[in-house]
């Protein structure tokens, strides 16, 4: 197959919108709960199936992109390729100590030697780098701290982010 017939997706989208209208009208009739629940279950399976197709095709597009970070489509959408690593088994105490050290250093004006942040402000600033259940790796990078030193890395994951252009909204 050389070209994909985009009209198939356009037909699918049209059917989806028509289904939404019909389902809304159906709900207005106060239908039987068991019947409505069965329809919901079928929609859930359909949603899962669409997600599987999307994830598979998205992975294929990611491979096609190679080292390209993003591509803009004719419709104005931007397809962006992002990579991340699953981090686990954090050494929280050691990392917290490294962040505290950097925050302490940042709390002193290098020109005057004056302390420009109180202890309370430094603790509040800590929340820029850590959340209740995870460390914010981008913010840690801003401090010059490599988060990979403080955790065990899992599998490398690549995600595709699609930002729709004005024509798609």
Protein backbone atom coordinates (compact mmCIF):
# COMPACT_ATOMS: atom_id res chain seq x y z
CA UNK A 1 0.00 0.00 0.00
CA UNK A 2 1.60 3.25 -1.12
CA UNK A 3 -0.91 5.78 0.15
CA UNK A 4 -3.38 5.57 3.01
CA UNK A 5 -6.94 6.59 2.17
CA UNK A 6 -7.54 9.32 4.77
CA UNK A 7 -11.25 9.31 3.91
CA UNK A 8 -11.54 6.12 6.02
CA UNK A 9 -10.62 8.14 9.13
CA UNK A 10 -12.95 10.94 8.05
CA UNK A 11 -15.81 8.42 7.74
CA UNK A 12 -14.93 6.97 11.14
CA UNK A 13 -14.97 10.46 12.67
CA UNK A 14 -18.35 11.20 11.09
CA UNK A 15 -19.80 7.95 12.42
CA UNK A 16 -18.39 8.73 15.84
CA UNK A 17 -20.08 12.14 15.93
CA UNK A 18 -23.35 10.63 14.69
CA UNK A 19 -23.10 7.99 17.42
CA UNK A 20 -22.60 10.70 20.03
CA UNK A 21 -25.77 12.46 18.86
CA UNK A 22 -27.76 9.21 18.84
CA UNK A 23 -26.49 8.20 22.28
CA UNK A 24 -27.39 11.61 23.73
CA UNK A 25 -30.92 11.27 22.33
CA UNK A 26 -31.07 7.71 23.68
CA UNK A 27 -30.25 8.93 27.19
CA UNK A 28 -33.05 11.51 26.96
CA UNK A 29 -35.58 8.65 26.66
CA UNK A 30 -34.76 7.40 30.19
CA UNK A 31 -33.68 3.96 28.94
CA UNK A 32 -33.34 0.78 30.93
CA UNK A 33 -30.22 1.02 33.12
CA UNK A 34 -29.00 -2.51 32.27
CA UNK A 35 -29.27 -1.78 28.55
CA UNK A 36 -27.48 1.58 28.93
CA UNK A 37 -24.75 -0.09 30.98
CA UNK A 38 -24.28 -2.72 28.25
CA UNK A 39 -23.87 0.02 25.64
CA UNK A 40 -21.36 1.74 27.92
CA UNK A 41 -19.41 -1.52 28.23
CA UNK A 42 -19.32 -1.84 24.42
CA UNK A 43 -18.13 1.76 24.12
CA UNK A 44 -15.39 1.01 26.63
CA UNK A 45 -14.18 -1.92 24.49
CA UNK A 46 -14.25 0.33 21.43
CA UNK A 47 -12.26 3.00 23.28
CA UNK A 48 -9.66 0.38 24.24
CA UNK A 49 -9.46 -0.91 20.66
CA UNK A 50 -8.98 2.62 19.28
CA UNK A 51 -6.26 3.21 21.90
CA UNK A 52 -4.47 0.01 20.82
CA UNK A 53 -4.56 1.08 17.17
CA UNK A 54 -3.42 4.60 18.09
CA UNK A 55 -0.56 3.34 20.27
CA UNK A 56 0.61 0.94 17.56
CA UNK A 57 0.50 3.57 14.81
CA UNK A 58 2.05 6.17 17.12
CA UNK A 59 4.98 3.82 17.75
CA UNK A 60 5.40 3.36 14.01
CA UNK A 61 5.41 7.12 13.44
CA UNK A 62 7.99 7.49 16.22
CA UNK A 63 10.25 5.04 14.37
CA UNK A 64 9.71 6.91 11.09
CA UNK A 65 10.71 10.16 12.82
CA UNK A 66 14.11 8.73 13.77
CA UNK A 67 16.04 11.53 15.53
CA UNK A 68 13.58 14.21 14.42
CA UNK A 69 12.07 15.93 17.47
CA UNK A 70 8.87 17.15 15.83
CA UNK A 71 7.10 17.59 12.53
CA UNK A 72 4.35 20.01 11.54
CA UNK A 73 1.55 18.59 9.42
CA UNK A 74 -0.26 20.21 6.51
CA UNK A 75 -3.24 20.85 8.83
CA UNK A 76 -1.02 22.76 11.27
CA UNK A 77 -0.84 19.98 13.88
CA UNK A 78 2.54 19.39 15.49
CA UNK A 79 3.63 15.81 16.15
CA UNK A 80 6.34 15.85 18.79
CA UNK A 81 8.53 12.95 19.86
CA UNK A 82 9.46 12.87 23.54
CA UNK A 83 11.59 10.29 25.29
CA UNK A 84 11.68 9.49 28.98
CA UNK A 85 13.02 6.88 31.34
CA UNK A 86 11.02 5.20 34.07
CA UNK A 87 12.85 5.94 37.33
CA UNK A 88 12.44 3.88 40.49
CA UNK A 89 14.15 2.99 43.76
CA UNK A 90 15.01 6.61 44.48
CA UNK A 91 17.63 7.39 47.12
CA UNK A 92 15.40 10.06 48.62
CA UNK A 93 17.61 11.03 51.55
CA UNK A 94 20.73 11.51 49.41
CA UNK A 95 18.86 13.44 46.73
CA UNK A 96 17.08 15.62 49.29
CA UNK A 97 20.48 16.39 50.79
CA UNK A 98 21.88 17.38 47.37
CA UNK A 99 18.87 19.64 46.71
CA UNK A 100 19.14 21.18 50.19
CA UNK A 101 22.84 21.88 49.58
CA UNK A 102 22.12 23.61 46.26
CA UNK A 103 19.24 25.62 47.75
CA UNK A 104 21.50 26.67 50.61
CA UNK A 105 24.11 27.84 48.08
CA UNK A 106 21.43 29.68 46.09
CA UNK A 107 20.21 31.43 49.24
CA UNK A 108 23.38 33.50 49.48
CA UNK A 109 24.04 36.53 47.24
CA UNK A 110 27.45 35.81 45.71
CA UNK A 111 28.34 39.52 45.45
CA UNK A 112 27.46 40.59 48.99
CA UNK A 113 27.51 37.32 50.94
CA UNK A 114 24.09 38.24 52.27
CA UNK A 115 21.53 35.47 52.90
CA UNK A 116 18.62 36.24 50.55
CA UNK A 117 16.34 33.31 51.45
CA UNK A 118 15.10 32.27 54.86
CA UNK A 119 15.03 28.61 55.88
CA UNK A 120 11.27 28.64 55.35
CA UNK A 121 11.68 30.03 51.82
CA UNK A 122 14.26 27.34 51.05
CA UNK A 123 11.89 24.62 52.24
CA UNK A 124 9.11 26.10 50.12
CA UNK A 125 11.50 26.22 47.16
CA UNK A 126 12.18 22.50 47.70
CA UNK A 127 8.66 21.85 46.40
CA UNK A 128 9.79 23.17 43.02
CA UNK A 129 12.01 20.09 42.78
CA UNK A 130 10.05 17.40 44.58
CA UNK A 131 6.40 16.50 44.88
CA UNK A 132 4.72 14.31 47.41
CA UNK A 133 5.18 11.09 45.44
CA UNK A 134 7.91 11.82 42.91
CA UNK A 135 10.90 14.01 42.11
CA UNK A 136 10.57 16.58 39.34
CA UNK A 137 13.45 15.60 37.09
CA UNK A 138 13.31 18.68 34.85
CA UNK A 139 13.56 21.01 37.85
CA UNK A 140 16.40 18.92 39.31
CA UNK A 141 18.23 19.40 36.02
CA UNK A 142 17.85 23.16 36.46
CA UNK A 143 19.82 22.78 39.68
CA UNK A 144 22.49 20.82 37.82
CA UNK A 145 21.54 17.62 39.63
CA UNK A 146 21.42 14.43 37.55
CA UNK A 147 18.43 12.47 38.90
CA UNK A 148 19.76 9.22 37.43
CA UNK A 149 22.45 9.16 40.13
CA UNK A 150 19.73 8.89 42.78
CA UNK A 151 17.48 6.18 41.32
CA UNK A 152 17.35 2.99 39.35
CA UNK A 153 16.23 3.44 35.75
CA UNK A 154 13.63 1.24 34.13
CA UNK A 155 12.80 0.89 30.46
CA UNK A 156 13.27 3.85 28.15
CA UNK A 157 9.89 5.07 26.87
CA UNK A 158 9.10 7.23 23.88
CA UNK A 159 5.86 9.17 23.73
CA UNK A 160 4.24 11.00 20.87
CA UNK A 161 2.47 14.25 21.65
CA UNK A 162 0.07 15.67 19.10
CA UNK A 163 -0.81 19.35 19.32
CA UNK A 164 -3.66 20.06 16.96
CA UNK A 165 -3.52 23.02 14.65
CA UNK A 166 -6.39 25.48 14.19
CA UNK A 167 -7.88 23.44 11.34
CA UNK A 168 -8.31 20.42 13.68
CA UNK A 169 -10.02 22.13 16.59
